[in-house]
């Protein structure tokens, strides 16, 4: 059996990585991720984790050295946040095109400027369409459990894509909770034998070119580029079922069952629904419970997997409600709304479901989204269901 510990979210991520037995970890600290990589360094120094530690000069190098390691067949891990992710962007953009099953924890943080080192999800939302799979965690236990699941998904032959396991900075990174660590043998059996890069493993006896130039007189032309892009899209769509299968197997082996794509909470007879993502979901569930006690038929849909977006599941979950309130912890500047709001609209447009949907933005720069805030979301969504029109987002912390 494993053991029970009381730890913060960053240590939970470090334990999830250690239990997954990566061969190489490359790190560079940045708030609010810093303690995560410090835990990893401690685990390796103490012999609790058998991995090479690459203490590099910046995030660009951190992911770049993992490219080489992964191409040579190593299981790899890193973590970053915000401006560190921005500095990592060049190799980050390259990773899915190389079909490298690297797992990186993204301890989400709002962006600059104004200068901010506090929680938000602007960093994750800014890279949502680069080709990485994105999973968001609600609590510390889910962080620990999701990292081994991420490796199972990333390394699947029908996927072979990198995965970000995202947890909210400040609220989860530094928040302390009980976590049940699975036994190492359970994780070993779950992940099976390492077969990280069967499709392109660098070998001195079998040299190959990696990432060839495509297009123009010197390349293979646009057809190869199109093949690569279609391959990433196919891997993303394949991941939807693989994510469900991996979560189901994890539940069988550990007794902990997490919703793989979305979680429906009190949705059976709901007339209105909230849509949440990340750590805000706990307060939202409390608000839904309080509204139910007063007779309001309110439900909630939590998004666990954001990329690939589970559009069919979202549309199915929301099909019977009269109005939807989507709460974001980031901003879609081009649409004057939250990014998850736009995703939900797109999912509904592709289905037969038609109901008004409203954007709520809160929790920027580490601000709390409380049960009282969600009570306001519920009330405003009820008015939307009653016919009150909405054209602008509601900024929940504007007057806090």
Protein backbone atom coordinates (compact mmCIF):
# COMPACT_ATOMS: atom_id res chain seq x y z
CA UNK A 1 0.00 0.00 0.00
CA UNK A 2 1.03 3.62 -0.45
CA UNK A 3 1.10 6.22 2.27
CA UNK A 4 -0.93 9.26 3.28
CA UNK A 5 0.79 12.63 3.48
CA UNK A 6 -0.22 16.24 4.02
CA UNK A 7 1.43 18.27 1.29
CA UNK A 8 0.92 21.23 -1.03
CA UNK A 9 0.07 20.97 -4.70
CA UNK A 10 3.62 21.44 -5.91
CA UNK A 11 4.84 18.54 -3.79
CA UNK A 12 1.87 16.49 -5.01
CA UNK A 13 3.05 17.13 -8.57
CA UNK A 14 6.61 16.19 -7.63
CA UNK A 15 5.39 12.91 -6.14
CA UNK A 16 3.29 12.21 -9.22
CA UNK A 17 6.38 12.73 -11.37
CA UNK A 18 8.63 10.63 -9.10
CA UNK A 19 6.17 7.74 -9.10
CA UNK A 20 6.14 7.85 -12.92
CA UNK A 21 9.91 7.13 -12.96
CA UNK A 22 11.20 9.63 -15.52
CA UNK A 23 14.78 9.13 -16.71
CA UNK A 24 15.53 12.84 -16.96
CA UNK A 25 14.17 15.96 -15.29
CA UNK A 26 15.17 19.41 -16.55
CA UNK A 27 14.23 22.36 -14.38
CA UNK A 28 14.37 26.09 -13.89
CA UNK A 29 12.47 27.77 -11.03
CA UNK A 30 9.81 30.43 -11.44
CA UNK A 31 7.02 31.54 -9.09
CA UNK A 32 4.66 29.81 -8.27
CA UNK A 33 6.35 26.67 -9.62
CA UNK A 34 9.72 27.03 -7.83
CA UNK A 35 9.12 24.70 -4.91
CA UNK A 36 7.99 21.95 -7.30
CA UNK A 37 11.42 21.67 -8.90
CA UNK A 38 13.07 22.06 -5.49
CA UNK A 39 11.12 18.99 -4.32
CA UNK A 40 12.31 17.09 -7.39
CA UNK A 41 15.93 18.05 -6.75
CA UNK A 42 15.54 16.90 -3.14
CA UNK A 43 13.99 13.58 -4.18
CA UNK A 44 16.87 12.91 -6.59
CA UNK A 45 19.54 13.98 -4.08
CA UNK A 46 18.03 11.75 -1.39
CA UNK A 47 17.80 8.74 -3.70
CA UNK A 48 14.00 8.66 -3.66
CA UNK A 49 13.94 9.33 -7.40
CA UNK A 50 16.28 7.70 -9.90
CA UNK A 51 16.62 10.32 -12.62
CA UNK A 52 19.22 12.61 -14.15
CA UNK A 53 18.66 16.21 -13.09
CA UNK A 54 19.52 18.90 -15.62
CA UNK A 55 19.78 22.23 -13.78
CA UNK A 56 19.87 24.52 -16.79
CA UNK A 57 20.10 28.28 -17.29
CA UNK A 58 16.53 28.86 -18.41
CA UNK A 59 13.27 27.36 -19.59
CA UNK A 60 14.26 27.36 -23.27
CA UNK A 61 17.13 25.03 -22.40
CA UNK A 62 15.01 22.96 -20.01
CA UNK A 63 12.65 21.80 -22.73
CA UNK A 64 15.36 21.67 -25.41
CA UNK A 65 17.47 19.15 -23.47
CA UNK A 66 14.35 17.07 -22.90
CA UNK A 67 13.83 16.97 -26.66
CA UNK A 68 17.17 15.24 -27.04
CA UNK A 69 16.56 12.89 -24.15
CA UNK A 70 13.08 11.96 -25.36
CA UNK A 71 14.35 11.39 -28.91
CA UNK A 72 16.86 8.96 -27.40
CA UNK A 73 14.04 7.05 -25.69
CA UNK A 74 14.00 8.59 -22.21
CA UNK A 75 10.87 9.39 -20.21
CA UNK A 76 11.14 13.09 -19.34
CA UNK A 77 9.51 15.70 -17.10
CA UNK A 78 9.63 19.41 -16.42
CA UNK A 79 7.49 22.17 -14.91
CA UNK A 80 7.07 25.89 -15.52
CA UNK A 81 4.80 28.93 -15.15
CA UNK A 82 3.87 32.15 -16.92
CA UNK A 83 6.98 34.05 -18.10
CA UNK A 84 8.96 30.84 -17.89
CA UNK A 85 6.51 29.29 -20.32
CA UNK A 86 6.92 32.35 -22.55
CA UNK A 87 10.70 31.83 -22.56
CA UNK A 88 10.14 28.13 -23.31
CA UNK A 89 7.86 28.90 -26.24
CA UNK A 90 10.17 28.04 -29.16
CA UNK A 91 10.83 24.42 -28.12
CA UNK A 92 7.30 24.24 -26.69
CA UNK A 93 5.93 24.97 -30.17
CA UNK A 94 8.22 22.31 -31.65
CA UNK A 95 7.37 19.51 -29.24
CA UNK A 96 4.05 18.24 -30.67
CA UNK A 97 5.38 18.42 -34.25
CA UNK A 98 8.16 16.08 -33.19
CA UNK A 99 5.50 13.84 -31.55
CA UNK A 100 7.43 13.78 -28.27
CA UNK A 101 5.46 12.37 -25.29
CA UNK A 102 6.91 14.78 -22.73
CA UNK A 103 4.93 15.67 -19.60
CA UNK A 104 5.23 19.19 -18.16
CA UNK A 105 3.40 20.52 -15.14
CA UNK A 106 2.13 24.04 -15.74
CA UNK A 107 1.55 25.84 -12.44
CA UNK A 108 -0.78 28.41 -13.88
CA UNK A 109 -0.22 32.12 -13.33
CA UNK A 110 -1.55 35.34 -14.75
CA UNK A 111 0.50 37.28 -17.27
CA UNK A 112 2.31 40.60 -17.36
CA UNK A 113 1.96 43.54 -17.63
CA UNK A 114 0.97 44.86 -15.06
CA UNK A 115 3.54 42.81 -13.16
CA UNK A 116 1.93 39.82 -11.49
CA UNK A 117 3.31 36.70 -9.82
CA UNK A 118 -0.05 35.38 -8.65
CA UNK A 119 -2.40 32.71 -9.85
CA UNK A 120 -4.56 32.76 -12.95
CA UNK A 121 -4.83 30.67 -16.09
CA UNK A 122 -3.71 33.16 -18.71
CA UNK A 123 -0.48 31.27 -19.41
CA UNK A 124 -2.21 27.96 -20.14
CA UNK A 125 -4.94 29.60 -22.21
CA UNK A 126 -2.35 31.47 -24.28
CA UNK A 127 -0.82 28.19 -25.52
CA UNK A 128 -3.98 26.11 -25.78
CA UNK A 129 -3.74 25.64 -29.54
CA UNK A 130 -0.07 24.69 -29.97
CA UNK A 131 -0.72 20.93 -30.06
CA UNK A 132 -0.25 19.94 -26.42
CA UNK A 133 -2.86 17.99 -24.49
CA UNK A 134 -4.07 20.01 -21.49
CA UNK A 135 -5.58 18.57 -18.32
CA UNK A 136 -6.68 20.79 -15.41
CA UNK A 137 -6.75 19.60 -11.80
CA UNK A 138 -9.21 20.60 -9.11
CA UNK A 139 -7.24 19.59 -6.01
CA UNK A 140 -3.92 18.24 -4.74
CA UNK A 141 -4.93 14.57 -4.93
CA UNK A 142 -5.97 14.99 -8.54
CA UNK A 143 -2.60 16.59 -9.34
CA UNK A 144 -0.68 13.61 -7.96
CA UNK A 145 -2.89 11.08 -9.76
CA UNK A 146 -3.06 12.90 -13.09
CA UNK A 147 0.68 12.96 -13.80
CA UNK A 148 1.01 9.16 -14.15
CA UNK A 149 -2.21 9.22 -16.21
CA UNK A 150 -0.62 11.88 -18.43
CA UNK A 151 2.33 9.60 -19.21
CA UNK A 152 -0.04 6.76 -20.04
CA UNK A 153 -1.83 9.02 -22.52
CA UNK A 154 1.23 10.75 -23.98
CA UNK A 155 3.08 7.51 -24.70
CA UNK A 156 0.11 5.69 -26.22
CA UNK A 157 0.96 4.65 -29.83
CA UNK A 158 -2.22 6.30 -31.13
CA UNK A 159 -1.43 9.61 -29.40
CA UNK A 160 2.32 10.35 -29.02
CA UNK A 161 1.83 13.97 -27.98
CA UNK A 162 3.10 16.09 -25.06
CA UNK A 163 0.84 16.74 -22.08
CA UNK A 164 0.52 19.71 -19.75
CA UNK A 165 -0.88 18.81 -16.33
CA UNK A 166 -2.14 22.18 -15.10
CA UNK A 167 -2.79 23.22 -11.53
CA UNK A 168 -3.66 26.70 -10.30
CA UNK A 169 -0.85 28.76 -8.88
CA UNK A 170 -1.19 29.86 -5.23
CA UNK A 171 -4.46 28.04 -4.54
CA UNK A 172 -3.15 24.58 -5.36
CA UNK A 173 0.60 25.13 -5.61
CA UNK A 174 0.87 26.35 -2.00
CA UNK A 175 -2.38 25.07 -0.56
CA UNK A 176 -1.93 22.05 1.72
CA UNK A 177 -4.22 19.01 1.77
CA UNK A 178 -4.25 15.29 2.44
CA UNK A 179 -2.91 13.21 -0.44
CA UNK A 180 -2.89 9.42 -0.65
CA UNK A 181 0.26 8.42 -2.51
CA UNK A 182 -0.18 5.25 -4.54
CA UNK A 183 2.23 2.39 -4.07
CA UNK A 184 5.13 2.40 -6.53
CA UNK A 185 4.25 -1.09 -7.73
CA UNK A 186 0.72 0.05 -8.55
CA UNK A 187 2.05 2.88 -10.72
CA UNK A 188 4.59 0.56 -12.35
CA UNK A 189 1.85 -1.89 -13.28
CA UNK A 190 -0.32 0.96 -14.56
CA UNK A 191 2.37 2.43 -16.81
CA UNK A 192 3.91 -0.87 -17.88
CA UNK A 193 7.31 -1.21 -19.49
CA UNK A 194 8.77 2.00 -20.82
CA UNK A 195 8.33 2.35 -24.57
CA UNK A 196 8.66 6.08 -24.84
CA UNK A 197 9.80 6.81 -28.35
CA UNK A 198 9.41 3.68 -30.42
CA UNK A 199 8.70 5.70 -33.58
CA UNK A 200 11.91 7.77 -33.66
CA UNK A 201 14.55 6.69 -31.15
CA UNK A 202 17.99 8.14 -31.84
CA UNK A 203 20.62 5.46 -32.18
CA UNK A 204 24.31 5.94 -33.17
CA UNK A 205 24.03 2.71 -35.14
CA UNK A 206 20.98 3.98 -37.00
CA UNK A 207 21.45 7.70 -37.68
CA UNK A 208 18.50 9.72 -38.93
CA UNK A 209 17.51 13.29 -39.66
CA UNK A 210 15.06 14.80 -37.18
CA UNK A 211 12.71 17.65 -38.09
CA UNK A 212 13.60 17.93 -41.79
CA UNK A 213 12.98 21.10 -43.77
CA UNK A 214 9.71 20.88 -45.69
CA UNK A 215 8.52 22.99 -48.59
CA UNK A 216 10.33 24.75 -51.39
CA UNK A 217 12.95 23.36 -53.75
CA UNK A 218 15.02 21.87 -50.89
CA UNK A 219 12.25 20.14 -49.03
CA UNK A 220 9.61 17.49 -49.52
CA UNK A 221 6.93 20.05 -50.27
CA UNK A 222 3.69 21.08 -48.58
CA UNK A 223 2.28 17.56 -48.66
CA UNK A 224 4.67 16.42 -45.92
CA UNK A 225 3.82 19.46 -43.81
CA UNK A 226 0.12 18.75 -44.22
CA UNK A 227 0.75 15.13 -43.23
CA UNK A 228 2.39 16.27 -40.00
CA UNK A 229 -0.42 18.68 -39.15
CA UNK A 230 -3.11 16.09 -39.87
CA UNK A 231 -1.19 13.60 -37.75
CA UNK A 232 -1.23 15.91 -34.73
CA UNK A 233 -4.97 16.49 -35.17
CA UNK A 234 -5.56 12.75 -35.43
CA UNK A 235 -3.48 12.12 -32.30
CA UNK A 236 -5.50 14.74 -30.46
CA UNK A 237 -8.80 13.12 -31.39
CA UNK A 238 -7.46 9.66 -30.55
CA UNK A 239 -6.52 11.03 -27.15
CA UNK A 240 -10.17 11.53 -26.16
CA UNK A 241 -10.80 7.79 -25.85
CA UNK A 242 -7.30 7.06 -24.56
CA UNK A 243 -7.78 9.59 -21.74
CA UNK A 244 -11.01 7.87 -20.75
CA UNK A 245 -9.38 4.44 -20.84
CA UNK A 246 -6.40 5.62 -18.77
CA UNK A 247 -8.63 7.19 -16.11
CA UNK A 248 -10.75 4.04 -15.94
CA UNK A 249 -7.68 1.84 -15.44
CA UNK A 250 -6.27 4.21 -12.80
CA UNK A 251 -9.57 4.00 -10.94
CA UNK A 252 -9.51 0.20 -11.01
CA UNK A 253 -5.97 0.04 -9.68
CA UNK A 254 -6.16 2.78 -7.03
CA UNK A 255 -9.84 3.08 -6.14
CA UNK A 256 -9.80 6.78 -7.05
CA UNK A 257 -11.98 7.67 -9.98
CA UNK A 258 -11.60 11.05 -11.68
CA UNK A 259 -13.79 12.33 -14.46
CA UNK A 260 -11.55 12.01 -17.53
CA UNK A 261 -13.05 14.66 -19.84
CA UNK A 262 -15.81 16.45 -17.93
CA UNK A 263 -17.57 15.94 -14.61
CA UNK A 264 -21.32 16.41 -14.33
CA UNK A 265 -22.38 17.63 -10.89
CA UNK A 266 -26.09 17.66 -10.02
CA UNK A 267 -26.97 17.95 -13.70
CA UNK A 268 -29.77 15.35 -13.89
CA UNK A 269 -32.67 17.81 -13.63
CA UNK A 270 -30.78 21.11 -13.91
CA UNK A 271 -32.47 24.07 -15.57
CA UNK A 272 -29.31 26.19 -15.58
CA UNK A 273 -25.67 25.13 -15.48
CA UNK A 274 -22.30 26.53 -14.55
CA UNK A 275 -19.12 25.54 -16.38
CA UNK A 276 -15.87 25.66 -14.42
CA UNK A 277 -12.24 24.63 -14.78
CA UNK A 278 -9.54 24.10 -12.17
CA UNK A 279 -9.56 24.82 -8.45
CA UNK A 280 -12.54 27.20 -8.57
CA UNK A 281 -14.77 24.15 -8.92
CA UNK A 282 -14.89 23.43 -5.17
CA UNK A 283 -16.44 26.78 -4.34
CA UNK A 284 -18.77 26.44 -7.33
CA UNK A 285 -20.04 23.07 -6.10
CA UNK A 286 -20.74 24.58 -2.67
CA UNK A 287 -22.70 27.38 -4.31
CA UNK A 288 -24.67 24.87 -6.37
CA UNK A 289 -25.49 22.91 -3.19
CA UNK A 290 -26.72 26.07 -1.46
CA UNK A 291 -28.84 27.03 -4.46
CA UNK A 292 -30.34 23.53 -4.54
CA UNK A 293 -31.31 23.86 -0.88
CA UNK A 294 -33.30 26.97 -1.78
CA UNK A 295 -35.08 25.12 -4.58
CA UNK A 296 -33.07 26.29 -7.61
CA UNK A 297 -32.39 23.57 -10.16
CA UNK A 298 -28.72 24.33 -10.78
CA UNK A 299 -25.99 21.99 -11.99
CA UNK A 300 -22.31 22.22 -12.85
CA UNK A 301 -20.00 20.87 -15.53
CA UNK A 302 -16.30 20.77 -14.67
CA UNK A 303 -13.84 20.57 -17.54
CA UNK A 304 -10.91 18.25 -16.78
CA UNK A 305 -9.53 17.82 -20.29
CA UNK A 306 -9.34 21.12 -22.15
CA UNK A 307 -7.26 19.91 -25.11
CA UNK A 308 -8.47 18.04 -26.99
CA UNK A 309 -11.71 19.84 -26.22
CA UNK A 310 -14.49 17.35 -25.36
CA UNK A 311 -17.06 19.17 -27.48
CA UNK A 312 -19.51 16.28 -27.83
CA UNK A 313 -19.53 15.61 -24.08
CA UNK A 314 -20.05 19.30 -23.30
CA UNK A 315 -22.94 19.59 -25.73
CA UNK A 316 -24.52 16.42 -24.36
CA UNK A 317 -24.18 17.58 -20.75
CA UNK A 318 -25.72 21.00 -21.44
CA UNK A 319 -28.41 19.90 -23.90
CA UNK A 320 -31.29 20.04 -21.41
CA UNK A 321 -30.64 23.37 -19.66
CA UNK A 322 -32.14 26.79 -20.36
CA UNK A 323 -29.01 28.89 -19.82
CA UNK A 324 -25.30 28.45 -19.12
CA UNK A 325 -22.83 30.58 -17.14
CA UNK A 326 -19.17 29.91 -18.00
CA UNK A 327 -16.61 31.07 -15.43
CA UNK A 328 -13.06 31.75 -16.65
CA UNK A 329 -9.83 32.58 -14.84
CA UNK A 330 -8.35 34.15 -17.98
CA UNK A 331 -9.26 36.59 -20.71
CA UNK A 332 -9.82 36.14 -24.43
CA UNK A 333 -8.85 39.68 -25.47
CA UNK A 334 -10.03 39.33 -29.06
CA UNK A 335 -13.56 38.35 -28.05
CA UNK A 336 -13.96 40.40 -24.84
CA UNK A 337 -14.81 37.24 -22.93
CA UNK A 338 -13.26 34.24 -21.26
CA UNK A 339 -11.56 31.60 -23.44
CA UNK A 340 -13.54 28.67 -22.01
CA UNK A 341 -16.71 30.62 -22.79
CA UNK A 342 -15.74 30.69 -26.47
CA UNK A 343 -15.01 26.95 -26.43
CA UNK A 344 -18.42 26.17 -24.95
CA UNK A 345 -20.13 28.36 -27.56
CA UNK A 346 -18.32 26.48 -30.33
CA UNK A 347 -19.26 23.11 -28.86
CA UNK A 348 -22.93 24.07 -28.66
CA UNK A 349 -22.95 25.54 -32.16
CA UNK A 350 -21.81 22.19 -33.51
CA UNK A 351 -24.72 20.41 -31.82
CA UNK A 352 -28.48 20.69 -31.73
CA UNK A 353 -28.37 22.42 -28.33
CA UNK A 354 -29.38 26.08 -28.35
CA UNK A 355 -29.53 28.22 -25.22
CA UNK A 356 -28.08 31.56 -24.06
CA UNK A 357 -24.54 31.40 -22.68
CA UNK A 358 -22.87 34.10 -20.59
CA UNK A 359 -19.21 34.81 -19.82
CA UNK A 360 -17.98 35.44 -16.26
CA UNK A 361 -14.34 36.33 -15.58
CA UNK A 362 -12.85 36.06 -12.10
CA UNK A 363 -9.82 35.07 -10.11
CA UNK A 364 -7.36 37.17 -12.09
CA UNK A 365 -4.00 37.89 -10.43
CA UNK A 366 -4.73 35.44 -7.65
CA UNK A 367 -8.06 36.93 -6.58
CA UNK A 368 -10.37 34.52 -4.82
CA UNK A 369 -13.58 33.27 -6.44
CA UNK A 370 -15.81 32.62 -3.46
CA UNK A 371 -19.14 30.88 -2.92
CA UNK A 372 -20.67 34.37 -2.85
CA UNK A 373 -19.22 35.11 -6.29
CA UNK A 374 -20.73 31.90 -7.62
CA UNK A 375 -24.07 32.79 -6.04
CA UNK A 376 -23.96 35.94 -8.19
CA UNK A 377 -23.14 33.80 -11.23
CA UNK A 378 -26.12 31.56 -10.51
CA UNK A 379 -28.50 34.49 -10.04
CA UNK A 380 -27.34 36.19 -13.24
CA UNK A 381 -27.61 32.93 -15.20
CA UNK A 382 -31.15 32.42 -13.87
CA UNK A 383 -32.04 35.87 -15.20
CA UNK A 384 -30.48 34.90 -18.51
CA UNK A 385 -32.72 31.82 -18.62
CA UNK A 386 -35.72 34.08 -17.94
CA UNK A 387 -34.98 36.15 -21.03
CA UNK A 388 -32.67 38.93 -19.82
CA UNK A 389 -30.19 39.54 -22.64
CA UNK A 390 -26.42 39.72 -22.06
CA UNK A 391 -23.78 41.12 -24.41
CA UNK A 392 -20.85 41.84 -22.06
CA UNK A 393 -18.89 39.63 -19.67
CA UNK A 394 -19.32 39.98 -15.93
CA UNK A 395 -16.04 40.78 -14.13
CA UNK A 396 -16.48 39.13 -10.76
CA UNK A 397 -13.68 40.80 -8.81
CA UNK A 398 -13.97 44.25 -10.33
CA UNK A 399 -15.17 45.89 -7.12
CA UNK A 400 -13.53 43.59 -4.56
